[in-house]
């Protein structure tokens, strides 16, 4: 008698490809982390500077059935009517980011996170302070890379040395 095969067939005939990949697709779809993170980090690029200046994404909630998520946007009450007229455009741009029709509804929330008295919502990230180069670190890094004959390599090594000296000074 032949030993039983480790691959047991549960049905006769061919199976649809969708049924073979259903569990893997469902697991990948449940995570959805990459698309949500991309939406948050590249919001201005996805919807444009004019919409990003007036609103930001707060939450994406998925229904239990799979597709048809709701995107929640935060804006001030004065800008909400203008944003409401652009909901369909926003939905199309966000779905283009996902690559499929993931967002079916866009809900606008008119609560300012800074408080009701201010009425101003800071949607743009704070500008990074400009760091001035340390002349001592520059000189030391240039001395270390001075023996290199190739100009591009010398400049790259000097910049690397300067960054290392800066980071070791801060620790």
C-alpha atoms as a PDB file:
ATOM      1  CA  UNK A   1       0.000   0.000   0.000  1.00  0.00           C
ATOM      2  CA  UNK A   2       1.346   3.424  -0.949  1.00  0.00           C
ATOM      3  CA  UNK A   3       1.943   6.037   1.712  1.00  0.00           C
ATOM      4  CA  UNK A   4      -0.626   8.828   1.861  1.00  0.00           C
ATOM      5  CA  UNK A   5       0.299  12.028   0.072  1.00  0.00           C
ATOM      6  CA  UNK A   6       1.062  15.056   2.295  1.00  0.00           C
ATOM      7  CA  UNK A   7      -1.008  17.149  -0.116  1.00  0.00           C
ATOM      8  CA  UNK A   8      -4.576  16.123   0.363  1.00  0.00           C
ATOM      9  CA  UNK A   9      -7.104  17.172  -2.171  1.00  0.00           C
ATOM     10  CA  UNK A  10     -10.290  18.592  -0.729  1.00  0.00           C
ATOM     11  CA  UNK A  11     -12.291  18.835  -3.937  1.00  0.00           C
ATOM     12  CA  UNK A  12     -12.310  17.297  -7.370  1.00  0.00           C
ATOM     13  CA  UNK A  13     -11.457  19.309 -10.426  1.00  0.00           C
ATOM     14  CA  UNK A  14     -10.094  22.811 -10.777  1.00  0.00           C
ATOM     15  CA  UNK A  15     -10.480  25.571  -8.225  1.00  0.00           C
ATOM     16  CA  UNK A  16     -10.808  29.255  -8.932  1.00  0.00           C
ATOM     17  CA  UNK A  17      -7.655  31.302  -8.450  1.00  0.00           C
ATOM     18  CA  UNK A  18      -9.541  33.714  -6.201  1.00  0.00           C
ATOM     19  CA  UNK A  19     -10.382  30.915  -3.777  1.00  0.00           C
ATOM     20  CA  UNK A  20      -6.735  29.801  -3.663  1.00  0.00           C
ATOM     21  CA  UNK A  21      -5.478  33.285  -2.801  1.00  0.00           C
ATOM     22  CA  UNK A  22      -8.419  34.438  -0.688  1.00  0.00           C
ATOM     23  CA  UNK A  23      -6.781  34.001   2.729  1.00  0.00           C
ATOM     24  CA  UNK A  24      -3.523  35.651   1.664  1.00  0.00           C
ATOM     25  CA  UNK A  25      -5.327  38.592   0.080  1.00  0.00           C
ATOM     26  CA  UNK A  26      -7.512  38.979   3.154  1.00  0.00           C
ATOM     27  CA  UNK A  27      -4.481  39.002   5.488  1.00  0.00           C
ATOM     28  CA  UNK A  28      -2.687  41.557   3.333  1.00  0.00           C
ATOM     29  CA  UNK A  29      -5.792  43.699   3.143  1.00  0.00           C
ATOM     30  CA  UNK A  30      -6.353  43.590   6.895  1.00  0.00           C
ATOM     31  CA  UNK A  31      -2.953  45.058   7.632  1.00  0.00           C
ATOM     32  CA  UNK A  32      -3.361  48.043   5.268  1.00  0.00           C
ATOM     33  CA  UNK A  33      -0.550  49.751   7.142  1.00  0.00           C
ATOM     34  CA  UNK A  34       1.533  50.809   4.146  1.00  0.00           C
ATOM     35  CA  UNK A  35      -1.220  52.687   2.353  1.00  0.00           C
ATOM     36  CA  UNK A  36      -2.402  54.461   5.497  1.00  0.00           C
ATOM     37  CA  UNK A  37       1.119  55.523   6.421  1.00  0.00           C
ATOM     38  CA  UNK A  38       1.728  56.747   2.872  1.00  0.00           C
ATOM     39  CA  UNK A  39      -1.485  58.753   3.020  1.00  0.00           C
ATOM     40  CA  UNK A  40      -0.365  60.481   6.213  1.00  0.00           C
ATOM     41  CA  UNK A  41       3.228  61.128   5.193  1.00  0.00           C
ATOM     42  CA  UNK A  42       2.538  62.246   1.612  1.00  0.00           C
ATOM     43  CA  UNK A  43      -0.768  64.050   2.190  1.00  0.00           C
ATOM     44  CA  UNK A  44       0.302  67.259   0.420  1.00  0.00           C
ATOM     45  CA  UNK A  45       1.543  65.360  -2.634  1.00  0.00           C
ATOM     46  CA  UNK A  46      -1.616  63.253  -2.850  1.00  0.00           C
ATOM     47  CA  UNK A  47      -4.318  65.916  -2.556  1.00  0.00           C
ATOM     48  CA  UNK A  48      -2.402  69.048  -3.508  1.00  0.00           C
ATOM     49  CA  UNK A  49      -1.143  72.012  -1.538  1.00  0.00           C
ATOM     50  CA  UNK A  50      -4.452  73.929  -1.529  1.00  0.00           C
ATOM     51  CA  UNK A  51      -6.442  71.097   0.072  1.00  0.00           C
ATOM     52  CA  UNK A  52      -3.587  70.063   2.385  1.00  0.00           C
ATOM     53  CA  UNK A  53      -3.394  73.628   3.715  1.00  0.00           C
ATOM     54  CA  UNK A  54      -7.027  73.383   4.827  1.00  0.00           C
ATOM     55  CA  UNK A  55      -7.401  69.774   5.962  1.00  0.00           C
ATOM     56  CA  UNK A  56      -5.486  66.767   7.173  1.00  0.00           C
ATOM     57  CA  UNK A  57      -6.418  63.094   7.498  1.00  0.00           C
ATOM     58  CA  UNK A  58      -7.277  61.964  10.989  1.00  0.00           C
ATOM     59  CA  UNK A  59      -8.589  58.434  10.628  1.00  0.00           C
ATOM     60  CA  UNK A  60      -9.458  55.744   8.109  1.00  0.00           C
ATOM     61  CA  UNK A  61     -12.037  53.255   9.303  1.00  0.00           C
ATOM     62  CA  UNK A  62     -12.734  50.102   7.344  1.00  0.00           C
ATOM     63  CA  UNK A  63     -16.033  48.297   7.321  1.00  0.00           C
ATOM     64  CA  UNK A  64     -16.148  44.634   8.267  1.00  0.00           C
ATOM     65  CA  UNK A  65     -17.097  43.663   4.726  1.00  0.00           C
ATOM     66  CA  UNK A  66     -13.718  44.681   3.321  1.00  0.00           C
ATOM     67  CA  UNK A  67     -13.912  47.537   0.870  1.00  0.00           C
ATOM     68  CA  UNK A  68     -15.615  50.840   1.454  1.00  0.00           C
ATOM     69  CA  UNK A  69     -13.553  52.712   4.021  1.00  0.00           C
ATOM     70  CA  UNK A  70     -14.368  56.113   5.482  1.00  0.00           C
ATOM     71  CA  UNK A  71     -11.689  58.805   5.495  1.00  0.00           C
ATOM     72  CA  UNK A  72     -12.071  61.379   8.272  1.00  0.00           C
ATOM     73  CA  UNK A  73     -10.582  64.825   7.599  1.00  0.00           C
ATOM     74  CA  UNK A  74      -9.916  67.539  10.162  1.00  0.00           C
ATOM     75  CA  UNK A  75     -10.501  71.181   9.268  1.00  0.00           C
ATOM     76  CA  UNK A  76     -11.668  74.421  10.842  1.00  0.00           C
ATOM     77  CA  UNK A  77     -15.336  75.294  10.743  1.00  0.00           C
ATOM     78  CA  UNK A  78     -14.780  78.259   8.436  1.00  0.00           C
ATOM     79  CA  UNK A  79     -13.121  76.074   5.783  1.00  0.00           C
ATOM     80  CA  UNK A  80     -15.481  73.094   6.061  1.00  0.00           C
ATOM     81  CA  UNK A  81     -18.046  74.222   3.440  1.00  0.00           C
ATOM     82  CA  UNK A  82     -15.328  74.760   0.831  1.00  0.00           C
ATOM     83  CA  UNK A  83     -13.812  71.398   1.677  1.00  0.00           C
ATOM     84  CA  UNK A  84     -17.219  69.706   1.494  1.00  0.00           C
ATOM     85  CA  UNK A  85     -17.507  70.804  -2.144  1.00  0.00           C
ATOM     86  CA  UNK A  86     -14.180  69.076  -2.893  1.00  0.00           C
ATOM     87  CA  UNK A  87     -15.005  65.749  -1.216  1.00  0.00           C
ATOM     88  CA  UNK A  88     -15.366  63.827  -4.488  1.00  0.00           C
ATOM     89  CA  UNK A  89     -12.038  65.180  -5.779  1.00  0.00           C
ATOM     90  CA  UNK A  90     -10.328  64.237  -2.513  1.00  0.00           C
ATOM     91  CA  UNK A  91     -11.814  60.742  -2.657  1.00  0.00           C
ATOM     92  CA  UNK A  92     -10.582  60.235  -6.235  1.00  0.00           C
ATOM     93  CA  UNK A  93      -7.060  61.431  -5.391  1.00  0.00           C
ATOM     94  CA  UNK A  94      -6.820  59.232  -2.292  1.00  0.00           C
ATOM     95  CA  UNK A  95      -8.116  56.210  -4.201  1.00  0.00           C
ATOM     96  CA  UNK A  96      -5.476  56.881  -6.853  1.00  0.00           C
ATOM     97  CA  UNK A  97      -2.890  56.621  -4.060  1.00  0.00           C
ATOM     98  CA  UNK A  98      -4.316  53.277  -2.941  1.00  0.00           C
ATOM     99  CA  UNK A  99      -4.573  51.963  -6.482  1.00  0.00           C
ATOM    100  CA  UNK A 100      -8.170  50.832  -6.061  1.00  0.00           C
ATOM    101  CA  UNK A 101     -11.490  52.213  -4.847  1.00  0.00           C
ATOM    102  CA  UNK A 102     -10.673  51.833  -1.134  1.00  0.00           C
ATOM    103  CA  UNK A 103     -12.312  55.026   0.148  1.00  0.00           C
ATOM    104  CA  UNK A 104     -16.035  55.213  -0.431  1.00  0.00           C
ATOM    105  CA  UNK A 105     -16.880  58.046   1.961  1.00  0.00           C
ATOM    106  CA  UNK A 106     -15.116  61.180   3.180  1.00  0.00           C
ATOM    107  CA  UNK A 107     -16.292  62.665   6.466  1.00  0.00           C
ATOM    108  CA  UNK A 108     -15.242  66.133   7.591  1.00  0.00           C
ATOM    109  CA  UNK A 109     -14.638  66.913  11.260  1.00  0.00           C
ATOM    110  CA  UNK A 110     -14.623  70.573  12.254  1.00  0.00           C
ATOM    111  CA  UNK A 111     -12.748  70.394  15.532  1.00  0.00           C
ATOM    112  CA  UNK A 112      -9.520  72.294  15.967  1.00  0.00           C
ATOM    113  CA  UNK A 113      -6.911  70.289  17.914  1.00  0.00           C
ATOM    114  CA  UNK A 114      -5.414  73.498  19.348  1.00  0.00           C
ATOM    115  CA  UNK A 115      -8.626  74.515  21.092  1.00  0.00           C
ATOM    116  CA  UNK A 116     -11.784  76.395  20.273  1.00  0.00           C
ATOM    117  CA  UNK A 117     -10.524  79.843  21.259  1.00  0.00           C
ATOM    118  CA  UNK A 118      -7.679  79.940  18.748  1.00  0.00           C
ATOM    119  CA  UNK A 119      -9.644  78.673  15.764  1.00  0.00           C
ATOM    120  CA  UNK A 120      -6.403  78.093  13.880  1.00  0.00           C
ATOM    121  CA  UNK A 121      -5.281  74.617  12.927  1.00  0.00           C
ATOM    122  CA  UNK A 122      -1.614  74.144  12.124  1.00  0.00           C
ATOM    123  CA  UNK A 123      -1.723  71.806   9.135  1.00  0.00           C
ATOM    124  CA  UNK A 124       1.800  72.311   7.862  1.00  0.00           C
ATOM    125  CA  UNK A 125       4.664  70.747   9.785  1.00  0.00           C
ATOM    126  CA  UNK A 126       6.896  73.132  11.663  1.00  0.00           C
ATOM    127  CA  UNK A 127       9.949  74.179   9.668  1.00  0.00           C
ATOM    128  CA  UNK A 128      13.168  72.517  10.691  1.00  0.00           C
ATOM    129  CA  UNK A 129      15.680  74.867  12.274  1.00  0.00           C
ATOM    130  CA  UNK A 130      18.674  75.579  10.103  1.00  0.00           C
ATOM    131  CA  UNK A 131      21.805  74.036  11.569  1.00  0.00           C
ATOM    132  CA  UNK A 132      24.995  75.988  10.981  1.00  0.00           C
ATOM    133  CA  UNK A 133      28.110  73.923  10.306  1.00  0.00           C
ATOM    134  CA  UNK A 134      30.704  73.709  13.036  1.00  0.00           C
ATOM    135  CA  UNK A 135      33.968  75.191  11.670  1.00  0.00           C
ATOM    136  CA  UNK A 136      36.120  73.026  13.969  1.00  0.00           C
ATOM    137  CA  UNK A 137      34.407  69.830  12.791  1.00  0.00           C
ATOM    138  CA  UNK A 138      34.698  70.974   9.157  1.00  0.00           C
ATOM    139  CA  UNK A 139      38.418  71.612   9.500  1.00  0.00           C
ATOM    140  CA  UNK A 140      39.083  68.300  11.264  1.00  0.00           C
ATOM    141  CA  UNK A 141      37.058  66.347   8.667  1.00  0.00           C
ATOM    142  CA  UNK A 142      38.863  68.123   5.813  1.00  0.00           C
ATOM    143  CA  UNK A 143      42.230  67.225   7.390  1.00  0.00           C
ATOM    144  CA  UNK A 144      41.211  63.562   7.667  1.00  0.00           C
ATOM    145  CA  UNK A 145      40.128  63.416   4.006  1.00  0.00           C
ATOM    146  CA  UNK A 146      43.061  65.481   2.664  1.00  0.00           C
ATOM    147  CA  UNK A 147      45.056  62.441   1.515  1.00  0.00           C
ATOM    148  CA  UNK A 148      42.403  61.420  -1.040  1.00  0.00           C
ATOM    149  CA  UNK A 149      43.265  62.354  -4.653  1.00  0.00           C
ATOM    150  CA  UNK A 150      39.755  62.185  -6.112  1.00  0.00           C
ATOM    151  CA  UNK A 151      37.917  65.498  -5.486  1.00  0.00           C
ATOM    152  CA  UNK A 152      34.430  63.960  -5.292  1.00  0.00           C
ATOM    153  CA  UNK A 153      35.548  61.223  -2.930  1.00  0.00           C
ATOM    154  CA  UNK A 154      37.415  63.747  -0.770  1.00  0.00           C
ATOM    155  CA  UNK A 155      34.290  65.919  -0.506  1.00  0.00           C
ATOM    156  CA  UNK A 156      32.129  62.907   0.367  1.00  0.00           C
ATOM    157  CA  UNK A 157      34.587  61.690   3.005  1.00  0.00           C
ATOM    158  CA  UNK A 158      34.834  65.165   4.457  1.00  0.00           C
ATOM    159  CA  UNK A 159      31.031  65.433   4.718  1.00  0.00           C
ATOM    160  CA  UNK A 160      30.854  61.971   6.293  1.00  0.00           C
ATOM    161  CA  UNK A 161      33.565  62.851   8.803  1.00  0.00           C
ATOM    162  CA  UNK A 162      31.800  66.090   9.679  1.00  0.00           C
ATOM    163  CA  UNK A 163      28.519  64.232  10.308  1.00  0.00           C
ATOM    164  CA  UNK A 164      30.274  61.662  12.485  1.00  0.00           C
ATOM    165  CA  UNK A 165      32.023  64.372  14.497  1.00  0.00           C
ATOM    166  CA  UNK A 166      28.707  66.247  14.941  1.00  0.00           C
ATOM    167  CA  UNK A 167      26.841  63.152  16.100  1.00  0.00           C
ATOM    168  CA  UNK A 168      29.596  62.058  18.493  1.00  0.00           C
ATOM    169  CA  UNK A 169      29.748  65.580  19.969  1.00  0.00           C
ATOM    170  CA  UNK A 170      25.993  65.525  20.700  1.00  0.00           C
ATOM    171  CA  UNK A 171      26.158  62.202  22.601  1.00  0.00           C
END
